């Protein structure tokens, strides 16, 4: 599959989605610097490109093998001529149900990418993926250790 060129900071989330939908963890990992960090939606923190590649290879096979990611709004904030923060809203459908897990519904996330210009185009030094829980303000950990979203406005 041909991928979008990395000649603009906003290319990072575009190629991320292209690689995700192609089940291509190698291209996905190449978006990142060798010593990049990636924090996923449950707080797993990978500290280098190879760990990011391995985690996505596993996820794209076991958890997200039938999923489709779509890119929504992308917002760019240039910090200098060679450094930027890119926020991207993404939607995910078709996540694989796990053993004893009900069929997951469509998810919405916001990615935060810190990127910089290199001789080979823009690359990511840090990314964080955050699930969006509509109508909620925070998370609560109950006595049983289970996490649930909460809204304090009521």
N, C-alpha and C. Protein backbone atom coordinates (compact mmCIF):
# COMPACT_ATOMS: atom_id res chain seq x y z
N UNK A 1 0.85 -1.18 0.00
CA UNK A 1 0.00 0.00 0.00
C UNK A 1 0.89 1.23 0.00
N UNK A 2 0.63 2.20 -0.86
CA UNK A 2 1.39 3.45 -0.82
C UNK A 2 0.92 4.29 0.37
N UNK A 3 1.86 4.94 1.01
CA UNK A 3 1.54 5.74 2.18
C UNK A 3 1.75 7.21 1.86
N UNK A 4 1.04 8.05 2.59
CA UNK A 4 1.19 9.49 2.47
C UNK A 4 2.61 9.89 2.83
N UNK A 5 3.17 10.82 2.10
CA UNK A 5 4.51 11.33 2.41
C UNK A 5 4.49 12.05 3.75
N UNK A 6 5.60 12.00 4.45
CA UNK A 6 5.69 12.65 5.77
C UNK A 6 6.30 14.05 5.64
N UNK A 7 5.78 14.83 4.70
CA UNK A 7 6.34 16.15 4.45
C UNK A 7 5.63 17.28 5.21
N UNK A 8 4.64 16.93 6.01
CA UNK A 8 3.93 17.89 6.85
C UNK A 8 3.67 17.23 8.20
N UNK A 9 3.64 17.99 9.29
CA UNK A 9 3.37 17.38 10.59
C UNK A 9 2.03 16.65 10.63
N UNK A 10 1.04 17.17 9.90
CA UNK A 10 -0.29 16.56 9.89
C UNK A 10 -0.28 15.20 9.18
N UNK A 11 0.82 14.87 8.51
CA UNK A 11 0.93 13.57 7.85
C UNK A 11 1.03 12.43 8.86
N UNK A 12 1.52 12.71 10.05
CA UNK A 12 1.72 11.65 11.04
C UNK A 12 0.42 10.91 11.34
N UNK A 13 -0.68 11.59 11.74
CA UNK A 13 -1.90 10.83 12.01
C UNK A 13 -2.49 10.19 10.75
N UNK A 14 -2.29 10.81 9.60
CA UNK A 14 -2.79 10.23 8.35
C UNK A 14 -2.11 8.90 8.07
N UNK A 15 -0.78 8.86 8.17
CA UNK A 15 -0.05 7.62 7.92
C UNK A 15 -0.32 6.60 9.02
N UNK A 16 -0.49 7.06 10.26
CA UNK A 16 -0.84 6.16 11.35
C UNK A 16 -2.11 5.38 10.99
N UNK A 17 -3.14 6.08 10.54
CA UNK A 17 -4.42 5.44 10.18
C UNK A 17 -4.23 4.54 8.96
N UNK A 18 -3.48 4.99 7.96
CA UNK A 18 -3.23 4.16 6.77
C UNK A 18 -2.53 2.86 7.17
N UNK A 19 -1.51 2.96 8.02
CA UNK A 19 -0.77 1.76 8.45
C UNK A 19 -1.65 0.87 9.32
N UNK A 20 -2.45 1.47 10.20
CA UNK A 20 -3.37 0.69 11.04
C UNK A 20 -4.31 -0.14 10.17
N UNK A 21 -4.94 0.51 9.22
CA UNK A 21 -5.93 -0.18 8.38
C UNK A 21 -5.29 -1.21 7.46
N UNK A 22 -4.00 -1.06 7.18
CA UNK A 22 -3.28 -2.05 6.37
C UNK A 22 -2.67 -3.15 7.24
N UNK A 23 -2.85 -3.06 8.57
CA UNK A 23 -2.25 -4.01 9.53
C UNK A 23 -0.74 -4.06 9.32
N UNK A 24 -0.12 -2.88 9.28
CA UNK A 24 1.30 -2.74 8.97
C UNK A 24 2.04 -2.11 10.15
N UNK A 25 2.41 -2.91 11.16
CA UNK A 25 3.08 -2.35 12.33
C UNK A 25 4.48 -1.79 12.02
N UNK A 26 5.11 -2.27 10.97
CA UNK A 26 6.45 -1.76 10.62
C UNK A 26 6.37 -0.32 10.15
N UNK A 27 5.42 -0.03 9.25
CA UNK A 27 5.26 1.36 8.80
C UNK A 27 4.78 2.23 9.94
N UNK A 28 3.86 1.73 10.74
CA UNK A 28 3.38 2.49 11.88
C UNK A 28 4.56 2.86 12.79
N UNK A 29 5.44 1.92 13.07
CA UNK A 29 6.59 2.17 13.94
C UNK A 29 7.57 3.16 13.31
N UNK A 30 7.67 3.16 11.99
CA UNK A 30 8.62 4.07 11.33
C UNK A 30 8.21 5.54 11.46
N UNK A 31 7.00 5.78 11.92
CA UNK A 31 6.59 7.16 12.19
C UNK A 31 7.34 7.73 13.39
N UNK A 32 7.93 6.85 14.20
CA UNK A 32 8.50 7.23 15.48
C UNK A 32 10.02 7.23 15.44
N UNK A 33 10.60 8.13 16.21
CA UNK A 33 12.05 8.14 16.41
C UNK A 33 12.45 6.87 17.16
N UNK A 34 13.69 6.51 17.08
CA UNK A 34 14.20 5.29 17.73
C UNK A 34 13.90 5.27 19.22
N UNK A 35 14.00 6.43 19.89
CA UNK A 35 13.80 6.51 21.34
C UNK A 35 12.46 7.15 21.71
N UNK A 36 11.47 7.04 20.84
CA UNK A 36 10.16 7.67 21.07
C UNK A 36 9.42 6.98 22.21
N UNK A 37 8.43 7.69 22.73
CA UNK A 37 7.52 7.17 23.75
C UNK A 37 6.10 7.12 23.19
N UNK A 38 5.35 6.12 23.63
CA UNK A 38 3.95 5.97 23.23
C UNK A 38 3.18 5.50 24.45
N UNK A 39 2.12 6.23 24.79
CA UNK A 39 1.24 5.85 25.89
C UNK A 39 -0.12 5.53 25.29
N UNK A 40 -0.60 4.30 25.55
CA UNK A 40 -1.88 3.91 24.96
C UNK A 40 -3.05 4.30 25.87
N UNK A 41 -4.26 3.92 25.48
CA UNK A 41 -5.47 4.36 26.17
C UNK A 41 -5.61 3.86 27.59
N UNK A 42 -4.92 2.78 27.95
CA UNK A 42 -4.98 2.29 29.33
C UNK A 42 -3.69 2.57 30.09
N UNK A 43 -2.84 3.42 29.54
CA UNK A 43 -1.64 3.83 30.25
C UNK A 43 -0.43 2.94 30.06
N UNK A 44 -0.49 1.95 29.15
CA UNK A 44 0.72 1.20 28.84
C UNK A 44 1.69 2.14 28.14
N UNK A 45 2.95 2.10 28.54
CA UNK A 45 3.92 3.08 28.08
C UNK A 45 5.08 2.36 27.44
N UNK A 46 5.24 2.56 26.13
CA UNK A 46 6.33 1.93 25.39
C UNK A 46 7.40 2.97 25.14
N UNK A 47 8.67 2.58 25.33
CA UNK A 47 9.77 3.54 25.40
C UNK A 47 10.70 3.57 24.20
N UNK A 48 10.42 2.86 23.14
CA UNK A 48 11.26 2.96 21.95
C UNK A 48 10.49 2.41 20.74
N UNK A 49 11.02 2.68 19.56
CA UNK A 49 10.35 2.29 18.32
C UNK A 49 10.05 0.80 18.26
N UNK A 50 10.99 -0.03 18.66
CA UNK A 50 10.78 -1.47 18.58
C UNK A 50 9.66 -1.92 19.52
N UNK A 51 9.58 -1.35 20.72
CA UNK A 51 8.50 -1.69 21.64
C UNK A 51 7.16 -1.22 21.06
N UNK A 52 7.15 -0.07 20.43
CA UNK A 52 5.93 0.44 19.78
C UNK A 52 5.52 -0.50 18.65
N UNK A 53 6.48 -0.95 17.86
CA UNK A 53 6.20 -1.88 16.77
C UNK A 53 5.64 -3.21 17.29
N UNK A 54 6.31 -3.77 18.30
CA UNK A 54 5.85 -5.06 18.87
C UNK A 54 4.44 -4.95 19.44
N UNK A 55 4.18 -3.89 20.18
CA UNK A 55 2.86 -3.71 20.79
C UNK A 55 1.78 -3.59 19.72
N UNK A 56 2.06 -2.85 18.66
CA UNK A 56 1.06 -2.71 17.61
C UNK A 56 0.94 -3.97 16.75
N UNK A 57 2.03 -4.69 16.56
CA UNK A 57 1.95 -5.97 15.84
C UNK A 57 1.02 -6.92 16.60
N UNK A 58 1.17 -6.99 17.91
CA UNK A 58 0.30 -7.81 18.75
C UNK A 58 -1.14 -7.31 18.66
N UNK A 59 -1.33 -6.01 18.89
CA UNK A 59 -2.68 -5.45 18.90
C UNK A 59 -3.40 -5.59 17.58
N UNK A 60 -2.68 -5.37 16.48
CA UNK A 60 -3.31 -5.45 15.16
C UNK A 60 -3.65 -6.89 14.78
N UNK A 61 -3.05 -7.84 15.47
CA UNK A 61 -3.35 -9.25 15.23
C UNK A 61 -4.42 -9.77 16.18
N UNK A 62 -4.27 -9.51 17.48
CA UNK A 62 -5.12 -10.12 18.51
C UNK A 62 -6.35 -9.30 18.89
N UNK A 63 -6.21 -7.99 18.93
CA UNK A 63 -7.27 -7.14 19.47
C UNK A 63 -8.01 -6.36 18.38
N UNK A 64 -7.27 -5.92 17.37
CA UNK A 64 -7.83 -5.01 16.37
C UNK A 64 -7.75 -5.57 14.95
N UNK A 65 -7.71 -6.90 14.81
CA UNK A 65 -7.52 -7.52 13.50
C UNK A 65 -8.61 -7.23 12.49
N UNK A 66 -9.81 -6.93 12.95
CA UNK A 66 -10.93 -6.62 12.05
C UNK A 66 -11.36 -5.16 12.15
N UNK A 67 -10.54 -4.34 12.74
CA UNK A 67 -10.94 -2.96 13.00
C UNK A 67 -10.64 -2.05 11.81
N UNK A 68 -11.33 -0.94 11.82
CA UNK A 68 -11.08 0.13 10.86
C UNK A 68 -10.96 1.43 11.63
N UNK A 69 -9.87 2.13 11.39
CA UNK A 69 -9.66 3.44 12.00
C UNK A 69 -9.97 4.51 10.95
N UNK A 70 -10.62 5.57 11.39
CA UNK A 70 -10.85 6.72 10.52
C UNK A 70 -10.37 7.97 11.22
N UNK A 71 -9.84 8.86 10.44
CA UNK A 71 -9.28 10.11 10.96
C UNK A 71 -10.34 11.19 10.90
N UNK A 72 -10.50 11.88 12.03
CA UNK A 72 -11.42 13.01 12.09
C UNK A 72 -10.62 14.31 12.06
N UNK A 73 -10.99 15.21 12.91
CA UNK A 73 -10.36 16.53 12.96
C UNK A 73 -8.90 16.41 13.35
N UNK A 74 -8.05 17.19 12.68
CA UNK A 74 -6.63 17.28 13.00
C UNK A 74 -6.33 18.74 13.29
N UNK A 75 -5.64 18.97 14.39
CA UNK A 75 -5.27 20.34 14.77
C UNK A 75 -3.76 20.39 14.93
N UNK A 76 -3.15 21.37 14.30
CA UNK A 76 -1.70 21.55 14.31
C UNK A 76 -1.34 22.78 15.12
N UNK A 77 -0.32 22.62 15.97
CA UNK A 77 0.24 23.77 16.69
C UNK A 77 1.75 23.73 16.50
N UNK A 78 2.26 24.67 15.72
CA UNK A 78 3.70 24.77 15.49
C UNK A 78 4.34 25.42 16.71
N UNK A 79 5.33 24.75 17.29
CA UNK A 79 6.08 25.30 18.42
C UNK A 79 7.33 26.02 17.94
N UNK A 80 7.84 25.59 16.81
CA UNK A 80 8.95 26.25 16.11
C UNK A 80 8.86 25.80 14.66
N UNK A 81 9.82 26.18 13.85
CA UNK A 81 9.79 25.77 12.44
C UNK A 81 9.96 24.26 12.29
N UNK A 82 10.54 23.61 13.30
CA UNK A 82 10.85 22.18 13.21
C UNK A 82 10.20 21.31 14.27
N UNK A 83 9.34 21.88 15.12
CA UNK A 83 8.70 21.13 16.19
C UNK A 83 7.22 21.49 16.21
N UNK A 84 6.35 20.46 16.37
CA UNK A 84 4.92 20.71 16.39
C UNK A 84 4.21 19.72 17.30
N UNK A 85 3.03 20.11 17.73
CA UNK A 85 2.10 19.21 18.41
C UNK A 85 0.92 19.03 17.47
N UNK A 86 0.56 17.78 17.24
CA UNK A 86 -0.56 17.46 16.37
C UNK A 86 -1.57 16.67 17.20
N UNK A 87 -2.79 17.20 17.29
CA UNK A 87 -3.89 16.48 17.92
C UNK A 87 -4.79 15.95 16.82
N UNK A 88 -5.25 14.71 17.00
CA UNK A 88 -6.09 14.09 15.98
C UNK A 88 -7.20 13.29 16.63
N UNK A 89 -8.41 13.56 16.21
CA UNK A 89 -9.54 12.75 16.65
C UNK A 89 -9.62 11.55 15.71
N UNK A 90 -9.75 10.37 16.29
CA UNK A 90 -9.87 9.15 15.49
C UNK A 90 -11.04 8.33 15.99
N UNK A 91 -11.61 7.57 15.06
CA UNK A 91 -12.71 6.66 15.37
C UNK A 91 -12.24 5.25 15.06
N UNK A 92 -12.67 4.31 15.87
CA UNK A 92 -12.26 2.92 15.70
C UNK A 92 -13.49 2.03 15.77
N UNK A 93 -13.67 1.21 14.75
CA UNK A 93 -14.78 0.25 14.72
C UNK A 93 -14.24 -1.13 14.45
N UNK A 94 -14.94 -2.14 14.93
CA UNK A 94 -14.59 -3.52 14.61
C UNK A 94 -13.56 -4.15 15.53
N UNK A 95 -13.39 -3.60 16.73
CA UNK A 95 -12.47 -4.21 17.68
C UNK A 95 -12.93 -5.62 18.00
N UNK A 96 -12.00 -6.55 18.12
CA UNK A 96 -12.31 -7.95 18.38
C UNK A 96 -12.79 -8.13 19.81
N UNK A 97 -13.92 -8.83 20.00
CA UNK A 97 -14.32 -9.12 21.38
C UNK A 97 -13.37 -10.16 21.97
N UNK A 98 -13.00 -9.99 23.20
CA UNK A 98 -12.12 -10.94 23.87
C UNK A 98 -12.93 -12.01 24.59
N UNK A 99 -12.24 -12.96 25.15
CA UNK A 99 -12.87 -14.03 25.94
C UNK A 99 -13.65 -13.39 27.09
N UNK A 100 -14.94 -13.61 27.11
CA UNK A 100 -15.77 -13.07 28.18
C UNK A 100 -16.00 -11.57 28.08
N UNK A 101 -15.67 -10.98 26.93
CA UNK A 101 -15.86 -9.53 26.73
C UNK A 101 -16.94 -9.34 25.68
N UNK A 102 -17.88 -8.46 25.96
CA UNK A 102 -18.94 -8.22 25.01
C UNK A 102 -18.38 -7.54 23.75
N UNK A 103 -19.12 -7.59 22.67
CA UNK A 103 -18.70 -6.99 21.41
C UNK A 103 -18.51 -5.49 21.59
N UNK A 104 -17.29 -5.01 21.40
CA UNK A 104 -17.03 -3.57 21.58
C UNK A 104 -17.76 -2.72 20.55
N UNK A 105 -18.20 -1.57 20.97
CA UNK A 105 -18.86 -0.61 20.08
C UNK A 105 -17.81 0.33 19.51
N UNK A 106 -18.25 1.23 18.66
CA UNK A 106 -17.37 2.23 18.05
C UNK A 106 -16.73 3.08 19.15
N UNK A 107 -15.43 3.29 19.00
CA UNK A 107 -14.69 4.12 19.97
C UNK A 107 -14.24 5.41 19.30
N UNK A 108 -14.10 6.43 20.13
CA UNK A 108 -13.53 7.69 19.68
C UNK A 108 -12.33 7.97 20.59
N UNK A 109 -11.22 8.38 19.97
CA UNK A 109 -10.04 8.72 20.74
C UNK A 109 -9.47 10.04 20.25
N UNK A 110 -8.62 10.61 21.07
CA UNK A 110 -7.82 11.76 20.65
C UNK A 110 -6.37 11.39 20.84
N UNK A 111 -5.62 11.50 19.76
CA UNK A 111 -4.18 11.28 19.80
C UNK A 111 -3.48 12.62 19.94
N UNK A 112 -2.43 12.63 20.73
CA UNK A 112 -1.52 13.77 20.81
C UNK A 112 -0.16 13.30 20.33
N UNK A 113 0.35 13.92 19.28
CA UNK A 113 1.65 13.59 18.73
C UNK A 113 2.57 14.79 18.89
N UNK A 114 3.76 14.59 19.45
CA UNK A 114 4.81 15.62 19.44
C UNK A 114 5.77 15.19 18.35
N UNK A 115 5.94 16.04 17.35
CA UNK A 115 6.70 15.68 16.16
C UNK A 115 7.78 16.71 15.88
N UNK A 116 8.79 16.27 15.12
CA UNK A 116 9.82 17.22 14.68
C UNK A 116 10.28 16.86 13.28
N UNK A 117 10.82 17.88 12.61
CA UNK A 117 11.29 17.71 11.24
C UNK A 117 12.67 17.05 11.26
N UNK A 118 12.85 16.05 10.40
CA UNK A 118 14.14 15.38 10.26
C UNK A 118 14.55 15.47 8.79
N UNK A 119 15.70 14.95 8.47
CA UNK A 119 16.15 14.91 7.08
C UNK A 119 15.25 14.01 6.23
N UNK A 120 14.48 13.13 6.88
CA UNK A 120 13.62 12.18 6.17
C UNK A 120 12.13 12.51 6.34
N UNK A 121 11.81 13.73 6.67
CA UNK A 121 10.43 14.13 6.88
C UNK A 121 10.14 14.25 8.37
N UNK A 122 8.88 14.40 8.70
CA UNK A 122 8.47 14.57 10.09
C UNK A 122 8.40 13.21 10.78
N UNK A 123 8.85 13.18 12.05
CA UNK A 123 8.81 11.96 12.85
C UNK A 123 8.29 12.32 14.24
N UNK A 124 7.72 11.32 14.88
CA UNK A 124 7.11 11.49 16.19
C UNK A 124 8.09 11.12 17.30
N UNK A 125 8.17 11.97 18.33
CA UNK A 125 9.00 11.65 19.50
C UNK A 125 8.15 11.20 20.68
N UNK A 126 6.86 11.55 20.66
CA UNK A 126 5.97 11.16 21.75
C UNK A 126 4.53 11.14 21.24
N UNK A 127 3.78 10.11 21.67
CA UNK A 127 2.37 10.02 21.31
C UNK A 127 1.58 9.52 22.51
N UNK A 128 0.37 10.01 22.63
CA UNK A 128 -0.54 9.52 23.66
C UNK A 128 -1.91 9.39 23.04
N UNK A 129 -2.57 8.26 23.30
CA UNK A 129 -3.90 7.97 22.81
C UNK A 129 -4.85 7.99 24.00
N UNK A 130 -5.89 8.78 23.92
CA UNK A 130 -6.85 8.93 25.02
C UNK A 130 -8.24 8.61 24.53
N UNK A 131 -8.92 7.68 25.19
CA UNK A 131 -10.32 7.39 24.86
C UNK A 131 -11.18 8.58 25.23
N UNK A 132 -12.16 8.89 24.39
CA UNK A 132 -13.16 9.91 24.67
C UNK A 132 -14.39 9.20 25.22
N UNK A 133 -14.85 9.63 26.37
CA UNK A 133 -16.06 9.07 26.96
C UNK A 133 -17.10 10.20 26.98
N UNK A 134 -18.00 10.22 26.00
CA UNK A 134 -18.95 11.32 25.89
C UNK A 134 -19.74 11.55 27.17
N UNK A 135 -19.86 12.82 27.54
CA UNK A 135 -20.67 13.20 28.69
C UNK A 135 -20.00 13.00 30.04
N UNK A 136 -18.78 12.51 30.07
CA UNK A 136 -18.10 12.25 31.34
C UNK A 136 -16.98 13.26 31.56
N UNK A 137 -16.60 13.42 32.83
CA UNK A 137 -15.57 14.40 33.20
C UNK A 137 -14.29 13.78 33.73
N UNK A 138 -14.38 12.59 34.31
CA UNK A 138 -13.20 12.00 34.94
C UNK A 138 -13.41 10.49 35.07
N UNK A 139 -12.41 9.82 35.59
CA UNK A 139 -12.52 8.39 35.89
C UNK A 139 -12.47 8.20 37.40
N UNK A 140 -13.18 7.19 37.87
CA UNK A 140 -13.21 6.83 39.28
C UNK A 140 -12.78 5.38 39.41
N UNK A 141 -11.93 5.09 40.38
CA UNK A 141 -11.58 3.71 40.69
C UNK A 141 -12.38 3.32 41.93
N UNK A 142 -13.24 2.33 41.78
CA UNK A 142 -14.09 1.87 42.88
C UNK A 142 -13.29 1.00 43.83
N UNK A 143 -13.90 0.64 44.97
CA UNK A 143 -13.23 -0.21 45.95
C UNK A 143 -12.80 -1.55 45.38
N UNK A 144 -13.58 -2.06 44.41
CA UNK A 144 -13.23 -3.35 43.80
C UNK A 144 -12.12 -3.22 42.75
N UNK A 145 -11.63 -1.99 42.57
CA UNK A 145 -10.54 -1.75 41.63
C UNK A 145 -10.98 -1.47 40.21
N UNK A 146 -12.29 -1.51 39.95
CA UNK A 146 -12.79 -1.27 38.60
C UNK A 146 -12.84 0.22 38.31
N UNK A 147 -12.47 0.54 37.09
CA UNK A 147 -12.46 1.93 36.61
C UNK A 147 -13.78 2.22 35.91
N UNK A 148 -14.35 3.36 36.21
CA UNK A 148 -15.56 3.78 35.50
C UNK A 148 -15.54 5.29 35.30
N UNK A 149 -16.16 5.72 34.23
CA UNK A 149 -16.24 7.14 33.96
C UNK A 149 -17.30 7.77 34.86
N UNK A 150 -17.10 9.02 35.21
CA UNK A 150 -18.04 9.71 36.10
C UNK A 150 -18.27 11.14 35.64
N UNK A 151 -19.43 11.66 35.98
CA UNK A 151 -19.80 13.03 35.66
C UNK A 151 -20.22 13.70 36.97
N UNK A 152 -19.51 14.74 37.37
CA UNK A 152 -19.79 15.44 38.62
C UNK A 152 -20.83 16.55 38.46
N UNK A 153 -21.29 16.82 37.24
CA UNK A 153 -22.21 17.94 37.01
C UNK A 153 -23.62 17.65 37.47
N UNK A 154 -23.93 16.41 37.79
CA UNK A 154 -25.31 16.07 38.16
C UNK A 154 -25.54 16.24 39.63
